[in-house]
Protein backbone atom coordinates (compact mmCIF):
# COMPACT_ATOMS: atom_id res chain seq x y z
CA MET A 1 189.70 83.88 73.48
CA SER A 2 191.47 80.48 73.34
CA THR A 3 190.16 77.75 75.69
CA THR A 4 193.41 75.78 75.54
CA GLY A 5 194.51 74.81 79.07
CA SER A 6 191.27 75.89 80.65
CA PRO A 7 190.79 72.61 82.66
CA ALA A 8 194.11 73.22 84.36
CA LEU A 9 193.21 76.83 85.03
CA ILE A 10 189.87 75.73 86.46
CA LYS A 11 191.61 73.27 88.85
CA VAL A 12 194.02 75.98 89.99
CA ALA A 13 191.15 78.35 90.58
CA ILE A 14 189.18 75.78 92.54
CA LYS A 15 192.21 74.90 94.68
CA SER A 16 192.89 78.58 95.32
CA GLY A 17 189.30 79.12 96.32
CA LEU A 18 189.32 76.12 98.66
CA GLN A 19 192.51 77.38 100.29
CA ARG A 20 190.95 80.78 100.93
CA ILE A 21 187.97 79.33 102.76
CA GLY A 22 190.00 76.60 104.53
CA LEU A 23 188.31 73.61 102.91
CA LEU A 24 191.52 72.28 101.33
CA SER A 25 193.21 71.77 104.68
CA LEU A 26 190.04 70.15 105.99
CA GLN A 27 190.02 67.76 103.03
CA GLU A 28 193.67 66.89 103.58
CA SER A 29 193.04 66.34 107.30
CA LEU A 30 190.09 64.05 106.62
CA SER A 31 192.08 62.09 104.03
CA LYS A 32 194.92 61.61 106.52
CA ARG A 33 192.53 60.49 109.26
CA ILE A 34 190.84 57.99 106.95
CA HIS A 35 194.25 56.67 105.86
CA ASP A 36 195.41 56.30 109.49
CA THR A 37 192.16 54.58 110.48
CA GLU A 38 192.50 52.13 107.62
CA ASN A 39 196.10 51.38 108.64
CA ARG A 40 195.09 50.77 112.26
CA ALA A 41 192.24 48.51 111.21
CA ALA A 42 194.58 46.55 108.93
CA ARG A 43 197.15 46.14 111.73
CA LEU A 44 194.46 44.98 114.19
CA TRP A 45 193.10 42.51 111.65
CA ILE A 46 196.54 41.06 110.94
CA ARG A 47 197.34 40.79 114.63
CA GLY A 48 193.94 39.28 115.37
CA LEU A 49 194.15 36.60 112.71
CA PRO A 50 196.11 34.09 114.88
CA ALA A 51 193.65 34.53 117.74
CA LEU A 52 190.67 34.08 115.43
CA LYS A 53 192.32 31.07 113.83
CA ALA A 54 193.06 29.55 117.25
CA LEU A 55 189.45 30.10 118.38
CA TRP A 56 188.13 28.49 115.20
CA MET A 57 190.47 25.50 115.58
CA GLU A 58 189.55 25.08 119.25
CA ARG A 59 185.84 25.02 118.49
CA SER A 60 186.34 22.73 115.50
CA LEU A 61 188.31 20.23 117.61
CA ALA A 62 185.65 20.32 120.32
CA ARG A 63 182.90 19.60 117.78
CA TYR A 64 184.91 16.84 116.12
CA TYR A 65 185.71 14.97 119.34
CA SER A 66 182.18 15.40 120.70
CA ARG A 67 180.81 13.74 117.57
CA LYS A 68 183.54 11.10 117.66
CA GLN A 69 182.64 10.21 121.25
CA ALA A 70 178.92 10.02 120.44
CA ILE A 71 179.51 7.75 117.46
CA GLU A 72 181.96 5.42 119.22
CA TRP A 73 180.56 5.20 122.74
CA TYR A 74 176.82 5.39 122.33
CA GLY A 75 176.44 2.62 119.81
CA ARG A 76 175.72 -1.02 120.47
CA GLN A 77 179.31 -1.94 121.27
CA ALA A 78 181.90 0.32 122.88
CA PRO A 79 185.45 0.50 121.50
CA LEU A 80 188.35 -1.22 123.26
CA TRP A 81 189.88 2.04 124.46
CA TYR A 82 188.89 5.63 125.04
CA ASP A 83 190.55 8.50 123.22
CA HIS A 84 191.25 11.02 125.98
CA ARG A 85 191.89 13.76 123.47
CA THR A 86 188.11 14.01 123.62
CA ASP A 87 188.35 15.09 127.27
CA LEU A 88 191.22 17.42 126.49
CA HIS A 89 189.43 19.30 123.71
CA THR A 90 185.95 19.38 125.27
CA TRP A 91 186.96 20.18 128.85
CA ASN A 92 186.15 23.87 128.52
CA ARG A 93 182.55 22.91 127.77
CA SER A 94 182.12 19.86 130.01
CA ARG A 95 184.07 21.17 133.04
CA ASN A 96 184.26 17.54 134.15
CA PRO A 97 187.64 16.77 135.81
CA GLN A 98 187.23 13.03 136.36
CA TRP A 99 189.52 12.12 133.45
CA VAL A 100 192.39 13.92 135.21
CA GLU A 101 191.86 12.17 138.55
CA ARG A 102 193.43 8.83 137.68
CA GLY A 103 196.57 10.47 136.35
CA VAL A 104 196.94 12.74 139.37
CA TYR A 105 196.28 10.04 141.98
CA ALA A 106 198.73 7.61 140.37
CA ARG A 107 201.37 10.30 139.86
CA GLU A 108 201.08 11.22 143.55
CA VAL A 109 202.62 7.89 144.67
CA MET A 110 205.49 7.89 142.17
CA PRO A 111 208.87 8.88 143.61
CA ARG A 112 211.30 10.42 141.15
CA GLY A 113 213.16 7.82 139.12
CA CYS A 114 210.78 4.99 140.03
CA SER A 115 210.03 1.98 137.85
CA VAL A 116 206.40 1.73 136.73
CA LEU A 117 204.29 -1.02 135.20
CA ASP A 118 201.25 0.48 133.47
CA LEU A 119 198.72 -2.32 132.95
CA CYS A 120 196.10 -1.95 130.20
CA CYS A 121 197.80 1.23 129.00
CA ALA A 122 195.59 1.65 125.89
CA ASP A 123 197.09 4.47 123.78
CA GLY A 124 199.60 5.50 126.46
CA PHE A 125 197.91 8.82 127.23
CA TYR A 126 198.48 8.65 130.99
CA ALA A 127 201.93 7.09 130.80
CA HIS A 128 203.04 9.93 128.57
CA HIS A 129 201.22 12.95 130.04
CA PHE A 130 201.37 12.07 133.75
CA TYR A 131 203.97 9.42 134.57
CA SER A 132 206.87 9.99 132.17
CA VAL A 133 207.87 13.32 133.73
CA VAL A 134 208.84 11.62 137.00
CA ALA A 135 209.41 7.90 136.35
CA GLY A 136 212.81 6.49 135.50
CA HIS A 137 211.32 3.70 133.41
CA ILE A 138 207.79 2.70 132.39
CA ASP A 139 206.69 -0.62 130.93
CA ALA A 140 203.28 0.11 129.40
CA VAL A 141 201.45 -3.06 128.37
CA ASP A 142 198.24 -3.83 126.53
CA PHE A 143 196.95 -6.90 124.72
CA ASN A 144 195.54 -4.89 121.81
CA ARG A 145 198.02 -4.31 118.98
CA GLN A 146 196.07 -1.33 117.65
CA CYS A 147 196.40 0.41 121.03
CA ILE A 148 200.14 -0.19 121.13
CA ARG A 149 200.64 1.10 117.59
CA ARG A 150 198.70 4.23 118.46
CA ALA A 151 200.71 4.65 121.69
CA GLN A 152 204.04 4.32 119.89
CA ALA A 153 202.98 6.85 117.27
CA ALA A 154 201.35 9.46 119.52
CA HIS A 155 202.87 9.03 122.98
CA ALA A 156 206.43 7.85 122.51
CA ASP A 157 208.95 8.84 125.17
CA SER A 158 212.49 7.85 126.05
CA VAL A 159 211.41 6.39 129.42
CA ILE A 160 208.39 4.48 128.07
CA GLU A 161 208.59 1.05 126.52
CA TYR A 162 205.35 -0.25 125.04
CA HIS A 163 204.60 -3.98 125.00
CA CYS A 164 201.82 -5.82 123.20
CA MET A 165 201.29 -8.79 125.48
CA ASP A 166 198.81 -10.80 127.54
CA ALA A 167 199.49 -9.78 131.14
CA LEU A 168 197.58 -12.81 132.40
CA SER A 169 199.56 -15.54 130.69
CA GLU A 170 202.90 -13.84 130.02
CA SER A 171 205.53 -12.67 132.48
CA PHE A 172 205.81 -8.97 133.16
CA PRO A 173 208.68 -7.26 131.29
CA ARG A 174 210.56 -6.88 134.61
CA THR A 175 210.48 -8.91 137.79
CA ALA A 176 210.15 -5.94 140.16
CA TYR A 177 208.49 -2.50 140.09
CA ASP A 178 208.04 0.40 142.48
CA VAL A 179 204.57 1.27 141.19
CA VAL A 180 201.94 -0.63 139.22
CA THR A 181 199.01 1.27 137.72
CA TRP A 182 195.79 -0.49 136.74
CA ASP A 183 193.26 2.16 135.85
CA ALA A 184 189.69 1.81 134.56
CA SER A 185 190.19 -1.79 133.48
CA ILE A 186 189.96 -4.16 136.45
CA GLN A 187 186.21 -4.52 135.81
CA TYR A 188 186.93 -5.97 132.35
CA PHE A 189 188.47 -9.09 133.90
CA ASP A 190 186.52 -11.87 135.55
CA LEU A 191 187.07 -12.76 139.20
CA ALA A 192 189.55 -15.57 138.53
CA GLN A 193 191.61 -13.36 136.22
CA ILE A 194 191.66 -10.55 138.78
CA HIS A 195 193.10 -12.91 141.38
CA ILE A 196 195.78 -14.06 138.94
CA LEU A 197 196.83 -10.50 138.15
CA CYS A 198 196.73 -9.37 141.78
CA ALA A 199 199.02 -12.25 142.76
CA LYS A 200 201.47 -11.34 139.98
CA ILE A 201 201.36 -7.67 140.95
CA ALA A 202 201.95 -8.40 144.63
CA ALA A 203 204.98 -10.53 143.74
CA ALA A 204 206.41 -7.77 141.56
CA LEU A 205 205.93 -4.93 144.06
CA GLY A 206 207.64 -6.18 147.18
CA LYS A 207 207.30 -4.54 150.60
CA GLU A 208 207.53 -0.87 149.59
CA GLY A 209 205.77 -1.01 146.24
CA ILE A 210 202.24 0.19 145.58
CA LEU A 211 199.38 -0.66 143.26
CA SER A 212 197.37 2.38 142.16
CA GLY A 213 194.24 1.88 140.09
CA SER A 214 190.59 2.60 139.57
CA ALA A 215 187.31 0.86 138.89
CA LYS A 216 183.80 1.98 138.02
CA VAL A 217 180.77 1.22 140.14
CA ALA A 218 178.45 -1.05 138.14
CA ASP A 219 175.59 0.77 136.42
CA HIS A 220 173.18 0.53 133.50
CA ALA A 221 176.06 0.80 131.00
CA SER A 222 178.17 -2.01 132.45
CA GLU A 223 176.81 -4.76 130.21
CA ARG A 224 177.08 -2.71 127.03
CA LEU A 225 180.66 -1.76 127.91
CA GLY A 226 181.58 -5.41 128.27
CA GLU A 227 182.42 -5.36 131.98
CA ARG A 228 182.90 -8.84 133.42
CA CYS A 229 183.21 -8.11 137.13
CA TYR A 230 180.62 -5.82 138.69
CA PHE A 231 181.54 -3.74 141.74
CA ASN A 232 178.47 -2.37 143.48
CA SER A 233 180.35 -0.62 146.28
CA ALA A 234 183.78 0.29 147.57
CA ASP A 235 183.48 -2.44 150.22
CA GLU A 236 183.16 -5.14 147.56
CA LEU A 237 186.30 -3.97 145.81
CA ARG A 238 188.18 -3.57 149.10
CA SER A 239 187.34 -7.12 150.19
CA LEU A 240 188.65 -8.51 146.91
CA LEU A 241 191.91 -6.58 147.00
CA ARG A 242 192.59 -7.42 150.66
CA GLU A 243 192.94 -11.05 149.70
CA HIS A 244 196.30 -10.05 148.20
CA PHE A 245 197.35 -6.87 150.03
CA PRO A 246 197.19 -6.16 153.79
CA HIS A 247 196.69 -2.43 153.29
CA VAL A 248 193.98 -1.19 150.93
CA ALA A 249 192.53 2.30 150.70
CA ILE A 250 189.75 3.48 148.39
CA LEU A 251 188.64 6.97 147.44
CA GLU A 252 185.22 7.39 145.85
CA THR A 253 184.33 10.22 143.47
CA ALA A 254 180.78 10.54 142.16
CA TYR A 255 179.59 12.23 138.99
CA PRO A 256 176.16 12.25 137.34
CA GLU A 257 177.29 9.80 134.67
CA ARG A 258 179.42 7.44 136.81
CA THR A 259 181.01 6.76 140.19
CA ASN A 260 184.74 5.99 140.33
CA LEU A 261 186.59 3.93 142.93
CA TYR A 262 190.28 4.81 143.16
CA PHE A 263 192.26 2.21 145.05
CA ARG A 264 195.76 1.95 146.51
CA CYS A 265 197.19 -1.35 147.71
CA SER A 266 200.50 -2.01 149.43
CA PHE A 267 202.32 -4.07 152.04
CA SER A 268 203.20 -0.78 153.75
CA ALA A 269 200.49 1.45 155.24
CA GLN A 270 202.74 4.51 154.80
CA ARG A 271 202.67 4.11 151.02
CA LEU A 272 198.93 4.70 150.86
CA GLY A 273 199.38 8.45 151.28
CA GLY A 274 196.29 10.62 151.66
CA PHE A 275 193.99 7.69 150.92
CA VAL A 276 194.55 6.35 154.46
CA LYS A 277 191.86 8.66 155.85
CA GLU A 278 189.39 7.27 153.38
CA GLU A 279 190.20 3.73 154.48
CA VAL A 280 189.64 4.55 158.16
CA ARG A 281 186.42 6.39 157.41
CA ALA A 282 185.07 3.52 155.37
CA CYS A 283 185.85 0.95 158.07
CA ARG A 284 183.88 2.72 160.80
């Protein structure tokens, strides 16, 4: 007998036999289930890629800025300005809100459309992220050209004008402002320079203007950071500021690594806002 075509006959016979005992339909069902499972897994993987990519980028940024901070700020000499993107990208781990405080407290005393002078603006982080959404115009000044270049590149805004200038020896860009901010930098001036700047600020603010700023209580890092005026308490800072402003209020926030003194100064007690209670409490 000829064997031509026997492989085909064998396949037909096998298929017929499988159909009789129901195994063919089982095989087809399993193949379909495997195919559907593979499709679902592929769809989930594709959809999950952006989330996985975002998680990887978030962790990478946190590691990068943590290392950047350690290299820059724990060496022999600290840099001239702090990159607050470090706080932004490591906040989930640190859970330390102090970097937000100065922006919130200053923003609180800014009426819509106000004119603002931001002294020692560094890279313009706070002017851009906190003040520009409400101010009508901001003059952000710093003596360091590198800071101003960084500010213009990273934190440009239609209401912000950056100036590289010496606020001590040069006139302010405008003669009058509603709000002056002077955050985390008063301690880098000596006593004589602080008096010069306070006098210029008082002249630019007028009766309804307000100075909002912050200082750091002197600690073991003060010398390394290059601080020139040490404030050991809120009372010391208050006494200095009251030589130029009749109404001064200070709010103190303490953290393991530092204690901050947020101050508000004005010729009008009403402009001090919620800090008034702190002033009364401290005077008792």
